[in-house]
Amino acid sequence: MRALTVIPGQANSARLDNMPEPSPGDGSVVVRTLAIGICGTDREIVAGKYGWAPPGESRLVIGHESLGKVESAPIDSGFKPGDLVAGIVRRPDPVPCPACAVGEWDMCRNGLYTERGIKERHGFGSDFFRIEPKFLVKVDSALGAAGVLLEPTSVVAKAWDHIERIGARTASWKARRVLVTGAGPVGLLAAMIGAERGLDLHVLDRAQSGDKPNLVRALGGTYHSDVSELKSIEPDIVLECTGASQVVLDAVACVAPGGIVCLAGVSSGGRKIEIDVGLLNREMVLENNVVFGSVNANRAHYEAAAEALSRASKPWLNHLITRRVAPEDWQSALKRRDDDIKVVIDFTLGRTDGQSH
């Protein structure tokens, strides 16, 4: 079968391999891959900056944003052939830590978790994969190809879950306005969930034209491309999805008193900017603001994401996917274009009839 693999830590090692069928030890459910989404993590792995191969192996099958169709499954698994599904990325550590022990492996405290396509487990970037039923989630068949958005939606579903838990620290807190910084796929999906909650939605991105402003307006939101407008918004909630140092600071500085800032974008580091830490601390303390980071998701968040996607406009979701490429053309998927939102490697393109599991 075809599989996209890399040697983690070695740049320019990615290739489309011919690999054996997945091992039964990987799980009892066999899934035929339809598509994988590409994100910044995949680009970092291919660039040799991140990633770990499974123990005893030199290469890692990449791909953690998955969409597939069940080929075979045990009768008691809860799945049947033809089900549209997505795989959960992270696995709890074997110790386990207190978080992993209660199913909150997204909050693992000792770092011994594994992740498909990222850390010590092969990903979903192959014609077929096997998986354990408890790490598989059904996708609404009405979503079709847009079901590949489940994993990034799970990340923002977790962010919203934790925002609401923090907001519940006081009975008087009620959010009215949300600002999302960054109109990439994660930012737009975060905005979608904010719109579903009936909040006054604002989105900031540097793009001044194209699909991004139109997608925000289709949600009933206000689109901003000028960072100087942030102060006038006074959002109760900020979801920072860029990871850009200056935007992170601007996001923290613009939140309303009693507000919550969720940092969901990962910074690359290496860029230094001058800030008045004392003033920032003073404002956060006196205004009872909260800033926290959020990444990954557990099963509950995947299920919440599936529900959010099933409620969303299907044409709107389809517009998030701006390019589809065949596995043989994987290199073009990793090259950013100005008009890209979500790029997908479509395993139904170029598949030969002779391929089986």
Foldseek 3Di string as FASTA:
>chain_A
DWFWKAQAQDAPRTDTDDDDDADCVAAQWKWFFFWAWDDPLVLCRNRNNAADEAPPDRMAGAGQLTWTFTPCHDPPLPDHGGFIKHFAFKQAAPVGDPCNVVQNRQPGDPPRIATDRGGNHHHDRGRMYHHHSQGMDTFPVVLPPLSSLLFLLLQLLVVVVVQVVVQVPDPPRDFAEEEEEDQFSSSLSNQLVVLVVVHAYEYEDQDPDDDRCVLQVVSVYHYHNDLVCLQVRQGQEYEYAALDVVVVVSRLVRHHQNHEYEDEHHHPDPDDDDDDVVVSVVVCVVRVYYYYYTGGHGPVSSVVSSVSSVPDDSVSSVVQADEEAEPNPVVVQSDDDPNHRMYMHGPVPPDDPPDDD
